[in-house]
PDB file of N, CA and C in Angstrom:
ATOM      1  N   MET A   1       9.684   1.310  14.934  1.00  0.00           N
ATOM      2  CA  MET A   1       9.274   2.377  13.419  1.00  0.00           C
ATOM      3  C   MET A   1       7.880   2.313  13.712  1.00  0.00           C
ATOM      4  N   PRO A   2       7.545   3.231  12.965  1.00  0.00           N
ATOM      5  CA  PRO A   2       5.465   3.569  12.830  1.00  0.00           C
ATOM      6  C   PRO A   2       5.650   2.595  11.583  1.00  0.00           C
ATOM      7  N   THR A   3       3.999   2.205  11.661  1.00  0.00           N
ATOM      8  CA  THR A   3       3.536   0.998  11.219  1.00  0.00           C
ATOM      9  C   THR A   3       2.648   1.586  10.475  1.00  0.00           C
ATOM     10  N   VAL A   4       1.920   1.569   9.268  1.00  0.00           N
ATOM     11  CA  VAL A   4       0.577   1.375   9.105  1.00  0.00           C
ATOM     12  C   VAL A   4       0.275   0.119   8.084  1.00  0.00           C
ATOM     13  N   GLU A   5      -1.257   0.460   8.316  1.00  0.00           N
ATOM     14  CA  GLU A   5      -2.068  -0.682   7.441  1.00  0.00           C
ATOM     15  C   GLU A   5      -2.773  -0.151   6.049  1.00  0.00           C
ATOM     16  N   PHE A   6      -2.566  -0.763   5.331  1.00  0.00           N
ATOM     17  CA  PHE A   6      -3.278  -0.063   4.061  1.00  0.00           C
ATOM     18  C   PHE A   6      -3.653  -1.253   2.965  1.00  0.00           C
ATOM     19  N   SER A   7      -4.976  -1.266   2.198  1.00  0.00           N
ATOM     20  CA  SER A   7      -5.302  -1.640   0.826  1.00  0.00           C
ATOM     21  C   SER A   7      -5.786  -1.226   0.097  1.00  0.00           C
ATOM     22  N   ILE A   8      -5.607  -1.985  -1.033  1.00  0.00           N
ATOM     23  CA  ILE A   8      -6.203  -1.396  -2.585  1.00  0.00           C
ATOM     24  C   ILE A   8      -6.871  -2.402  -3.035  1.00  0.00           C
ATOM     25  N   ALA A   9      -7.870  -2.087  -3.763  1.00  0.00           N
ATOM     26  CA  ALA A   9      -8.972  -2.817  -4.636  1.00  0.00           C
ATOM     27  C   ALA A   9      -8.930  -2.548  -5.830  1.00  0.00           C
ATOM     28  N   SER A  10      -8.920  -3.432  -6.464  1.00  0.00           N
ATOM     29  CA  SER A  10      -8.459  -3.321  -7.795  1.00  0.00           C
ATOM     30  C   SER A  10      -8.804  -4.822  -9.368  1.00  0.00           C
ATOM     31  N   ILE A  11      -9.517  -4.356 -10.101  1.00  0.00           N
ATOM     32  CA  ILE A  11      -9.736  -5.749 -10.648  1.00  0.00           C
ATOM     33  C   ILE A  11      -8.554  -6.094 -11.700  1.00  0.00           C
ATOM     34  N   ASP A  12      -7.245  -5.394 -11.369  1.00  0.00           N
ATOM     35  CA  ASP A  12      -6.300  -5.725 -12.012  1.00  0.00           C
ATOM     36  C   ASP A  12      -5.228  -7.014 -11.366  1.00  0.00           C
ATOM     37  N   PRO A  13      -5.450  -8.601 -11.928  1.00  0.00           N
ATOM     38  CA  PRO A  13      -4.821  -9.196 -10.924  1.00  0.00           C
ATOM     39  C   PRO A  13      -3.398  -9.042 -11.109  1.00  0.00           C
ATOM     40  N   ALA A  14      -2.519  -8.330 -11.510  1.00  0.00           N
ATOM     41  CA  ALA A  14      -1.153  -8.103 -11.538  1.00  0.00           C
ATOM     42  C   ALA A  14      -0.329  -6.927 -10.696  1.00  0.00           C
ATOM     43  N   LEU A  15      -1.643  -6.070 -10.071  1.00  0.00           N
ATOM     44  CA  LEU A  15      -1.100  -5.069  -9.029  1.00  0.00           C
ATOM     45  C   LEU A  15      -0.157  -5.058  -8.075  1.00  0.00           C
ATOM     46  N   PRO A  16      -0.829  -6.145  -7.205  1.00  0.00           N
ATOM     47  CA  PRO A  16      -0.068  -6.656  -6.371  1.00  0.00           C
ATOM     48  C   PRO A  16       1.884  -6.951  -6.652  1.00  0.00           C
ATOM     49  N   ARG A  17       1.711  -7.665  -8.077  1.00  0.00           N
ATOM     50  CA  ARG A  17       3.045  -8.276  -8.339  1.00  0.00           C
ATOM     51  C   ARG A  17       3.846  -6.967  -8.406  1.00  0.00           C
ATOM     52  N   ARG A  18       3.019  -6.135  -9.346  1.00  0.00           N
ATOM     53  CA  ARG A  18       3.968  -4.952  -9.926  1.00  0.00           C
ATOM     54  C   ARG A  18       4.601  -4.121  -8.271  1.00  0.00           C
ATOM     55  N   LEU A  19       3.232  -3.720  -7.598  1.00  0.00           N
ATOM     56  CA  LEU A  19       3.740  -3.168  -5.992  1.00  0.00           C
ATOM     57  C   LEU A  19       4.838  -3.880  -5.390  1.00  0.00           C
ATOM     58  N   LEU A  20       4.595  -5.327  -5.321  1.00  0.00           N
ATOM     59  CA  LEU A  20       5.920  -5.762  -4.637  1.00  0.00           C
ATOM     60  C   LEU A  20       7.148  -6.117  -5.176  1.00  0.00           C
ATOM     61  N   GLY A  21       6.938  -6.505  -6.760  1.00  0.00           N
ATOM     62  CA  GLY A  21       8.377  -6.688  -7.776  1.00  0.00           C
ATOM     63  C   GLY A  21       8.636  -8.261  -8.117  1.00  0.00           C
ATOM     64  N   VAL A  22       7.677  -9.048  -7.310  1.00  0.00           N
ATOM     65  CA  VAL A  22       7.355 -10.513  -6.973  1.00  0.00           C
ATOM     66  C   VAL A  22       6.145 -10.739  -7.629  1.00  0.00           C
ATOM     67  N   GLU A  23       5.704 -12.451  -7.377  1.00  0.00           N
ATOM     68  CA  GLU A  23       4.412 -12.875  -7.475  1.00  0.00           C
ATOM     69  C   GLU A  23       4.450 -12.686  -5.465  1.00  0.00           C
ATOM     70  N   PRO A  24       3.065 -12.431  -5.171  1.00  0.00           N
ATOM     71  CA  PRO A  24       3.115 -11.997  -4.283  1.00  0.00           C
ATOM     72  C   PRO A  24       2.507 -13.434  -3.222  1.00  0.00           C
ATOM     73  N   ARG A  25       2.758 -13.663  -1.913  1.00  0.00           N
ATOM     74  CA  ARG A  25       2.503 -14.648  -1.122  1.00  0.00           C
ATOM     75  C   ARG A  25       2.461 -13.606   0.445  1.00  0.00           C
ATOM     76  N   PRO A  26       1.098 -14.459   1.231  1.00  0.00           N
ATOM     77  CA  PRO A  26       0.698 -14.271   1.946  1.00  0.00           C
ATOM     78  C   PRO A  26       2.284 -13.961   3.039  1.00  0.00           C
ATOM     79  N   GLU A  27       2.103 -12.451   3.691  1.00  0.00           N
ATOM     80  CA  GLU A  27       3.027 -12.351   4.927  1.00  0.00           C
ATOM     81  C   GLU A  27       4.535 -12.146   4.108  1.00  0.00           C
ATOM     82  N   MET A  28       4.885 -12.118   2.908  1.00  0.00           N
ATOM     83  CA  MET A  28       5.945 -11.767   2.315  1.00  0.00           C
ATOM     84  C   MET A  28       6.155 -10.137   2.378  1.00  0.00           C
ATOM     85  N   ALA A  29       7.535  -9.557   2.666  1.00  0.00           N
ATOM     86  CA  ALA A  29       7.967  -8.470   2.536  1.00  0.00           C
ATOM     87  C   ALA A  29       8.835  -8.212   1.458  1.00  0.00           C
ATOM     88  N   ARG A  30       8.740  -6.563   1.645  1.00  0.00           N
ATOM     89  CA  ARG A  30       9.782  -6.220   0.160  1.00  0.00           C
ATOM     90  C   ARG A  30      10.716  -4.639   1.118  1.00  0.00           C
ATOM     91  N   GLU A  31      11.657  -4.883   0.564  1.00  0.00           N
ATOM     92  CA  GLU A  31      12.267  -3.595   1.218  1.00  0.00           C
ATOM     93  C   GLU A  31      12.274  -2.321   0.092  1.00  0.00           C
ATOM     94  N   ILE A  32      11.479  -1.187   0.517  1.00  0.00           N
ATOM     95  CA  ILE A  32      11.986  -0.185  -0.271  1.00  0.00           C
ATOM     96  C   ILE A  32      13.095   0.415  -0.075  1.00  0.00           C
ATOM     97  N   HIS A  33      14.097   0.877  -1.104  1.00  0.00           N
ATOM     98  CA  HIS A  33      14.749   1.531  -0.701  1.00  0.00           C
ATOM     99  C   HIS A  33      15.371   2.689  -0.193  1.00  0.00           C
ATOM    100  N   HIS A  34      15.938   2.809   0.792  1.00  0.00           N
ATOM    101  CA  HIS A  34      15.918   4.141   1.680  1.00  0.00           C
ATOM    102  C   HIS A  34      14.449   4.578   2.127  1.00  0.00           C
ATOM    103  N   ALA A  35      13.465   4.029   1.928  1.00  0.00           N
ATOM    104  CA  ALA A  35      11.968   3.850   3.004  1.00  0.00           C
ATOM    105  C   ALA A  35      11.459   2.985   3.796  1.00  0.00           C
ATOM    106  N   GLY A  36      11.528   1.929   3.943  1.00  0.00           N
ATOM    107  CA  GLY A  36      11.341   1.493   4.964  1.00  0.00           C
ATOM    108  C   GLY A  36      10.542  -0.330   4.105  1.00  0.00           C
ATOM    109  N   VAL A  37       9.829  -0.828   4.899  1.00  0.00           N
ATOM    110  CA  VAL A  37       9.235  -2.241   4.260  1.00  0.00           C
ATOM    111  C   VAL A  37       7.989  -2.213   4.211  1.00  0.00           C
ATOM    112  N   VAL A  38       7.629  -3.134   2.826  1.00  0.00           N
ATOM    113  CA  VAL A  38       5.934  -3.386   2.986  1.00  0.00           C
ATOM    114  C   VAL A  38       6.031  -4.854   2.832  1.00  0.00           C
ATOM    115  N   GLN A  39       4.973  -5.340   3.393  1.00  0.00           N
ATOM    116  CA  GLN A  39       4.577  -6.576   3.287  1.00  0.00           C
ATOM    117  C   GLN A  39       3.188  -6.893   3.130  1.00  0.00           C
ATOM    118  N   TYR A  40       3.241  -8.359   2.536  1.00  0.00           N
ATOM    119  CA  TYR A  40       1.716  -8.161   1.921  1.00  0.00           C
ATOM    120  C   TYR A  40       1.092  -9.086   2.688  1.00  0.00           C
ATOM    121  N   HIS A  41      -0.517  -9.082   3.270  1.00  0.00           N
ATOM    122  CA  HIS A  41      -1.071  -9.733   3.854  1.00  0.00           C
ATOM    123  C   HIS A  41      -2.327 -11.126   3.523  1.00  0.00           C
ATOM    124  N   GLY A  42      -1.941 -10.762   1.847  1.00  0.00           N
ATOM    125  CA  GLY A  42      -3.248 -11.579   1.010  1.00  0.00           C
ATOM    126  C   GLY A  42      -4.257 -10.768   0.526  1.00  0.00           C
ATOM    127  N   SER A  43      -5.194 -11.572  -0.044  1.00  0.00           N
ATOM    128  CA  SER A  43      -6.119 -10.716  -0.845  1.00  0.00           C
ATOM    129  C   SER A  43      -7.653 -11.340  -0.529  1.00  0.00           C
ATOM    130  N   GLN A  44      -8.880 -10.903  -0.668  1.00  0.00           N
ATOM    131  CA  GLN A  44     -10.071 -11.769  -0.420  1.00  0.00           C
ATOM    132  C   GLN A  44     -10.793 -10.895  -1.329  1.00  0.00           C
ATOM    133  N   GLN A  45     -11.944 -11.421  -2.154  1.00  0.00           N
ATOM    134  CA  GLN A  45     -13.113 -11.074  -2.910  1.00  0.00           C
ATOM    135  C   GLN A  45     -14.725 -11.675  -2.537  1.00  0.00           C
ATOM    136  N   THR A  46     -15.088 -10.252  -2.132  1.00  0.00           N
ATOM    137  CA  THR A  46     -16.302 -10.860  -1.795  1.00  0.00           C
ATOM    138  C   THR A  46     -17.566 -11.331  -2.629  1.00  0.00           C
ATOM    139  N   THR A  47     -17.549 -11.250  -3.923  1.00  0.00           N
ATOM    140  CA  THR A  47     -18.330 -11.343  -4.759  1.00  0.00           C
ATOM    141  C   THR A  47     -17.209 -11.802  -6.384  1.00  0.00           C
ATOM    142  N   PRO A  48     -17.769 -12.469  -7.183  1.00  0.00           N
ATOM    143  CA  PRO A  48     -16.407 -12.490  -8.394  1.00  0.00           C
ATOM    144  C   PRO A  48     -16.597 -11.295  -9.679  1.00  0.00           C
ATOM    145  N   SER A  49     -17.282 -10.275  -9.217  1.00  0.00           N
ATOM    146  CA  SER A  49     -18.057  -9.752 -10.281  1.00  0.00           C
ATOM    147  C   SER A  49     -17.109  -8.146  -9.332  1.00  0.00           C
ATOM    148  N   ASP A  50     -16.629  -8.380  -8.389  1.00  0.00           N
ATOM    149  CA  ASP A  50     -16.090  -7.004  -7.375  1.00  0.00           C
ATOM    150  C   ASP A  50     -14.478  -7.406  -7.426  1.00  0.00           C
ATOM    151  N   PRO A  51     -13.902  -5.896  -7.180  1.00  0.00           N
ATOM    152  CA  PRO A  51     -12.426  -5.969  -7.211  1.00  0.00           C
ATOM    153  C   PRO A  51     -12.261  -6.930  -6.534  1.00  0.00           C
ATOM    154  N   ARG A  52     -10.768  -7.131  -6.428  1.00  0.00           N
ATOM    155  CA  ARG A  52     -10.151  -7.844  -5.125  1.00  0.00           C
ATOM    156  C   ARG A  52      -9.348  -7.124  -4.457  1.00  0.00           C
ATOM    157  N   ARG A  53      -9.457  -6.925  -3.049  1.00  0.00           N
ATOM    158  CA  ARG A  53      -9.015  -6.197  -2.158  1.00  0.00           C
ATOM    159  C   ARG A  53      -7.947  -6.904  -1.516  1.00  0.00           C
ATOM    160  N   HIS A  54      -6.798  -6.123  -1.633  1.00  0.00           N
ATOM    161  CA  HIS A  54      -5.417  -6.368  -1.298  1.00  0.00           C
ATOM    162  C   HIS A  54      -4.658  -6.090   0.056  1.00  0.00           C
ATOM    163  N   ALA A  55      -4.269  -6.768   1.260  1.00  0.00           N
ATOM    164  CA  ALA A  55      -4.203  -5.881   2.490  1.00  0.00           C
ATOM    165  C   ALA A  55      -2.303  -6.022   2.394  1.00  0.00           C
ATOM    166  N   PHE A  56      -1.926  -4.828   2.698  1.00  0.00           N
ATOM    167  CA  PHE A  56      -0.798  -4.591   2.983  1.00  0.00           C
ATOM    168  C   PHE A  56      -0.080  -3.671   4.871  1.00  0.00           C
ATOM    169  N   SER A  57       1.091  -3.867   5.518  1.00  0.00           N
ATOM    170  CA  SER A  57       1.576  -2.766   5.995  1.00  0.00           C
ATOM    171  C   SER A  57       2.634  -2.541   5.251  1.00  0.00           C
ATOM    172  N   VAL A  58       2.988  -1.596   6.301  1.00  0.00           N
ATOM    173  CA  VAL A  58       4.060  -0.656   5.685  1.00  0.00           C
ATOM    174  C   VAL A  58       4.891  -0.100   7.054  1.00  0.00           C
ATOM    175  N   GLU A  59       6.574  -0.127   7.040  1.00  0.00           N
ATOM    176  CA  GLU A  59       7.131   0.581   7.865  1.00  0.00           C
ATOM    177  C   GLU A  59       7.674   1.232   7.756  1.00  0.00           C
ATOM    178  N   PHE A  60       7.882   2.361   8.265  1.00  0.00           N
ATOM    179  CA  PHE A  60       8.985   3.390   7.515  1.00  0.00           C
ATOM    180  C   PHE A  60       9.771   4.119   9.081  1.00  0.00           C
ATOM    181  N   GLY A  61      10.678   4.871   8.922  1.00  0.00           N
ATOM    182  CA  GLY A  61      11.374   5.444   9.821  1.00  0.00           C
ATOM    183  C   GLY A  61      11.039   7.088  10.184  1.00  0.00           C
ATOM    184  N   THR A  62      11.050   7.216   8.801  1.00  0.00           N
ATOM    185  CA  THR A  62      10.936   9.370   9.154  1.00  0.00           C
ATOM    186  C   THR A  62       9.869   9.944   8.278  1.00  0.00           C
ATOM    187  N   GLU A  63       9.464  10.939   8.112  1.00  0.00           N
ATOM    188  CA  GLU A  63       8.414  11.751   7.273  1.00  0.00           C
ATOM    189  C   GLU A  63       9.264  11.673   5.694  1.00  0.00           C
ATOM    190  N   ASN A  64      10.366  11.909   5.866  1.00  0.00           N
ATOM    191  CA  ASN A  64      10.895  11.777   4.594  1.00  0.00           C
ATOM    192  C   ASN A  64      10.990  10.444   3.802  1.00  0.00           C
ATOM    193  N   ALA A  65      10.801   9.777   4.382  1.00  0.00           N
ATOM    194  CA  ALA A  65      10.421   7.924   4.370  1.00  0.00           C
ATOM    195  C   ALA A  65       9.490   7.907   3.759  1.00  0.00           C
ATOM    196  N   ALA A  66       8.514   8.335   4.729  1.00  0.00           N
ATOM    197  CA  ALA A  66       6.896   8.460   4.187  1.00  0.00           C
ATOM    198  C   ALA A  66       6.756   8.748   2.838  1.00  0.00           C
ATOM    199  N   GLY A  67       7.865  10.184   2.587  1.00  0.00           N
ATOM    200  CA  GLY A  67       7.465  10.905   1.047  1.00  0.00           C
ATOM    201  C   GLY A  67       7.894  10.005   0.145  1.00  0.00           C
ATOM    202  N   ILE A  68       9.247   9.100   0.841  1.00  0.00           N
ATOM    203  CA  ILE A  68       9.118   8.118  -0.660  1.00  0.00           C
ATOM    204  C   ILE A  68       8.501   7.056  -0.636  1.00  0.00           C
ATOM    205  N   LEU A  69       8.127   6.991   0.225  1.00  0.00           N
ATOM    206  CA  LEU A  69       7.105   5.756   0.105  1.00  0.00           C
ATOM    207  C   LEU A  69       5.619   6.063  -0.459  1.00  0.00           C
ATOM    208  N   ALA A  70       5.079   7.428  -0.105  1.00  0.00           N
ATOM    209  CA  ALA A  70       4.389   7.895  -1.209  1.00  0.00           C
ATOM    210  C   ALA A  70       4.425   7.749  -2.192  1.00  0.00           C
ATOM    211  N   ASN A  71       5.653   8.724  -2.969  1.00  0.00           N
ATOM    212  CA  ASN A  71       6.067   8.446  -4.342  1.00  0.00           C
ATOM    213  C   ASN A  71       6.044   7.287  -4.651  1.00  0.00           C
ATOM    214  N   TRP A  72       6.510   6.101  -4.467  1.00  0.00           N
ATOM    215  CA  TRP A  72       6.354   4.749  -4.590  1.00  0.00           C
ATOM    216  C   TRP A  72       5.013   4.474  -5.038  1.00  0.00           C
ATOM    217  N   MET A  73       4.231   4.122  -3.874  1.00  0.00           N
ATOM    218  CA  MET A  73       3.193   3.915  -4.039  1.00  0.00           C
ATOM    219  C   MET A  73       2.167   4.945  -5.111  1.00  0.00           C
ATOM    220  N   TRP A  74       2.212   6.231  -4.990  1.00  0.00           N
ATOM    221  CA  TRP A  74       1.660   6.194  -6.497  1.00  0.00           C
ATOM    222  C   TRP A  74       2.239   6.246  -7.821  1.00  0.00           C
ATOM    223  N   THR A  75       3.582   6.222  -7.652  1.00  0.00           N
ATOM    224  CA  THR A  75       3.924   5.690  -9.242  1.00  0.00           C
ATOM    225  C   THR A  75       3.349   4.030  -9.513  1.00  0.00           C
ATOM    226  N   VAL A  76       3.176   3.555  -8.885  1.00  0.00           N
ATOM    227  CA  VAL A  76       2.771   1.872  -9.363  1.00  0.00           C
ATOM    228  C   VAL A  76       1.254   1.871  -9.003  1.00  0.00           C
ATOM    229  N   LEU A  77       0.474   2.488  -8.368  1.00  0.00           N
ATOM    230  CA  LEU A  77      -1.049   2.834  -8.517  1.00  0.00           C
ATOM    231  C   LEU A  77      -1.516   3.217  -9.007  1.00  0.00           C
ATOM    232  N   ARG A  78      -1.110   4.668  -9.702  1.00  0.00           N
ATOM    233  CA  ARG A  78      -1.731   5.970 -10.541  1.00  0.00           C
ATOM    234  C   ARG A  78      -2.333   4.684 -11.622  1.00  0.00           C
ATOM    235  N   GLY A  79      -3.815   4.930 -11.909  1.00  0.00           N
ATOM    236  CA  GLY A  79      -4.527   4.583 -13.026  1.00  0.00           C
ATOM    237  C   GLY A  79      -4.853   3.210 -12.779  1.00  0.00           C
ATOM    238  N   HIS A  80      -4.583   2.248 -12.136  1.00  0.00           N
ATOM    239  CA  HIS A  80      -4.553   0.976 -11.697  1.00  0.00           C
ATOM    240  C   HIS A  80      -5.164   0.298 -10.778  1.00  0.00           C
ATOM    241  N   VAL A  81      -5.586   1.509  -9.889  1.00  0.00           N
ATOM    242  CA  VAL A  81      -6.622   0.884  -8.737  1.00  0.00           C
ATOM    243  C   VAL A  81      -7.977   1.561  -8.181  1.00  0.00           C
ATOM    244  N   SER A  82      -8.992   0.947  -7.945  1.00  0.00           N
ATOM    245  CA  SER A  82      -9.918   1.315  -7.661  1.00  0.00           C
ATOM    246  C   SER A  82     -10.293   2.119  -6.719  1.00  0.00           C
ATOM    247  N   THR A  83      -9.712   1.632  -5.320  1.00  0.00           N
ATOM    248  CA  THR A  83      -9.776   2.244  -4.048  1.00  0.00           C
ATOM    249  C   THR A  83      -8.644   1.978  -3.425  1.00  0.00           C
ATOM    250  N   LEU A  84      -7.726   3.218  -2.176  1.00  0.00           N
ATOM    251  CA  LEU A  84      -6.737   2.872  -2.084  1.00  0.00           C
ATOM    252  C   LEU A  84      -7.458   3.697  -0.780  1.00  0.00           C
ATOM    253  N   GLU A  85      -7.033   2.478   0.577  1.00  0.00           N
ATOM    254  CA  GLU A  85      -7.469   3.162   1.984  1.00  0.00           C
ATOM    255  C   GLU A  85      -6.181   2.849   2.726  1.00  0.00           C
ATOM    256  N   ILE A  86      -5.677   3.543   3.436  1.00  0.00           N
ATOM    257  CA  ILE A  86      -5.001   3.932   4.654  1.00  0.00           C
ATOM    258  C   ILE A  86      -5.208   4.188   5.739  1.00  0.00           C
ATOM    259  N   GLY A  87      -5.065   3.206   6.766  1.00  0.00           N
ATOM    260  CA  GLY A  87      -5.418   3.302   8.237  1.00  0.00           C
ATOM    261  C   GLY A  87      -7.582   3.283   7.988  1.00  0.00           C
ATOM    262  N   GLY A  88      -7.265   2.498   7.633  1.00  0.00           N
ATOM    263  CA  GLY A  88      -8.929   2.413   7.210  1.00  0.00           C
ATOM    264  C   GLY A  88      -9.737   3.468   6.144  1.00  0.00           C
ATOM    265  N   ASP A  89      -9.171   4.872   5.860  1.00  0.00           N
ATOM    266  CA  ASP A  89      -9.580   6.116   5.349  1.00  0.00           C
ATOM    267  C   ASP A  89      -9.507   5.618   3.592  1.00  0.00           C
ATOM    268  N   ALA A  90     -10.080   6.101   3.219  1.00  0.00           N
ATOM    269  CA  ALA A  90     -10.240   6.045   1.262  1.00  0.00           C
ATOM    270  C   ALA A  90      -9.151   7.465   0.958  1.00  0.00           C
ATOM    271  N   VAL A  91      -8.229   7.174   0.791  1.00  0.00           N
ATOM    272  CA  VAL A  91      -7.096   8.269   0.380  1.00  0.00           C
ATOM    273  C   VAL A  91      -7.066   8.112  -1.139  1.00  0.00           C
ATOM    274  N   PRO A  92      -7.167   9.700  -2.141  1.00  0.00           N
ATOM    275  CA  PRO A  92      -6.826   9.290  -3.425  1.00  0.00           C
ATOM    276  C   PRO A  92      -5.677   9.240  -3.678  1.00  0.00           C
ATOM    277  N   VAL A  93      -5.175   8.383  -5.067  1.00  0.00           N
ATOM    278  CA  VAL A  93      -4.009   8.576  -5.605  1.00  0.00           C
ATOM    279  C   VAL A  93      -3.172   9.232  -6.103  1.00  0.00           C
ATOM    280  N   HIS A  94      -2.524  10.610  -5.146  1.00  0.00           N
ATOM    281  CA  HIS A  94      -2.140  11.685  -4.901  1.00  0.00           C
ATOM    282  C   HIS A  94      -1.402  11.358  -4.238  1.00  0.00           C
ATOM    283  N   ASN A  95      -0.145  11.620  -4.567  1.00  0.00           N
ATOM    284  CA  ASN A  95       1.449  11.415  -4.000  1.00  0.00           C
ATOM    285  C   ASN A  95       1.259  12.264  -2.398  1.00  0.00           C
ATOM    286  N   ALA A  96       0.940  13.619  -2.590  1.00  0.00           N
ATOM    287  CA  ALA A  96       0.870  14.218  -1.111  1.00  0.00           C
ATOM    288  C   ALA A  96      -0.323  13.675  -0.086  1.00  0.00           C
ATOM    289  N   GLU A  97      -1.470  13.903  -0.714  1.00  0.00           N
ATOM    290  CA  GLU A  97      -2.490  12.740   0.024  1.00  0.00           C
ATOM    291  C   GLU A  97      -2.139  11.699   0.409  1.00  0.00           C
ATOM    292  N   ILE A  98      -1.321  10.323  -0.396  1.00  0.00           N
ATOM    293  CA  ILE A  98      -0.828   9.400   0.281  1.00  0.00           C
ATOM    294  C   ILE A  98       0.293   9.512   1.580  1.00  0.00           C
ATOM    295  N   LYS A  99       1.257  10.406   1.142  1.00  0.00           N
ATOM    296  CA  LYS A  99       2.313  10.909   2.413  1.00  0.00           C
ATOM    297  C   LYS A  99       1.127  11.217   3.792  1.00  0.00           C
ATOM    298  N   ARG A 100       0.389  12.237   3.396  1.00  0.00           N
ATOM    299  CA  ARG A 100      -0.668  12.639   4.956  1.00  0.00           C
ATOM    300  C   ARG A 100      -0.873  11.460   5.185  1.00  0.00           C
ATOM    301  N   ALA A 101      -1.683  10.844   4.396  1.00  0.00           N
ATOM    302  CA  ALA A 101      -2.291   9.500   5.299  1.00  0.00           C
ATOM    303  C   ALA A 101      -1.399   8.770   5.889  1.00  0.00           C
ATOM    304  N   LEU A 102      -0.121   8.266   5.443  1.00  0.00           N
ATOM    305  CA  LEU A 102       1.021   7.731   6.285  1.00  0.00           C
ATOM    306  C   LEU A 102       1.188   7.934   7.245  1.00  0.00           C
ATOM    307  N   LEU A 103       1.465   9.551   7.241  1.00  0.00           N
ATOM    308  CA  LEU A 103       2.009   9.722   8.526  1.00  0.00           C
ATOM    309  C   LEU A 103       0.854  10.471   9.783  1.00  0.00           C
ATOM    310  N   ASN A 104      -0.311  10.087   9.179  1.00  0.00           N
ATOM    311  CA  ASN A 104      -1.778  10.581  10.438  1.00  0.00           C
ATOM    312  C   ASN A 104      -1.943   9.284  10.596  1.00  0.00           C
ATOM    313  N   HIS A 105      -1.494   8.415  10.228  1.00  0.00           N
ATOM    314  CA  HIS A 105      -2.464   6.817  10.431  1.00  0.00           C
ATOM    315  C   HIS A 105      -1.060   6.065  11.285  1.00  0.00           C
ATOM    316  N   ALA A 106       0.301   6.707  11.290  1.00  0.00           N
ATOM    317  CA  ALA A 106       1.402   5.632  11.558  1.00  0.00           C
ATOM    318  C   ALA A 106       0.860   5.405  12.864  1.00  0.00           C
ATOM    319  N   THR A 107       1.133   4.279  13.662  1.00  0.00           N
ATOM    320  CA  THR A 107       1.435   3.931  14.537  1.00  0.00           C
ATOM    321  C   THR A 107       2.596   2.968  15.140  1.00  0.00           C
ATOM    322  N   THR A 108       3.383   3.375  16.246  1.00  0.00           N
ATOM    323  CA  THR A 108       4.318   2.816  17.086  1.00  0.00           C
ATOM    324  C   THR A 108       3.655   1.376  17.689  1.00  0.00           C
ATOM    325  N   PRO A 109       4.418   0.144  17.286  1.00  0.00           N
ATOM    326  CA  PRO A 109       4.471  -0.977  17.935  1.00  0.00           C
ATOM    327  C   PRO A 109       4.980  -0.711  19.558  1.00  0.00           C
TER     328      PRO A 109
END
């Protein structure tokens, strides 16, 4: 199944919990119904005044599943994230842009 790395940066400490639905722990995975699996890899903060950066990967099977994931990400992240990077590229928090980036950066192990 295609896999994509993505990261979010935010000063909101609850954002990873909202994304995963539970208190996040490194390497924790969550199934997104009819779409795929998201895995949390942990967070880092370079300085106390910087937003915390959270790393994830997502696995999905089809273009439609990428659309469901894009909608799920947009719903949780809109208005709460300072940056979203998918496959290392900055992506606006817009449903169509997220889906496009997921499909463009998908790699098959």
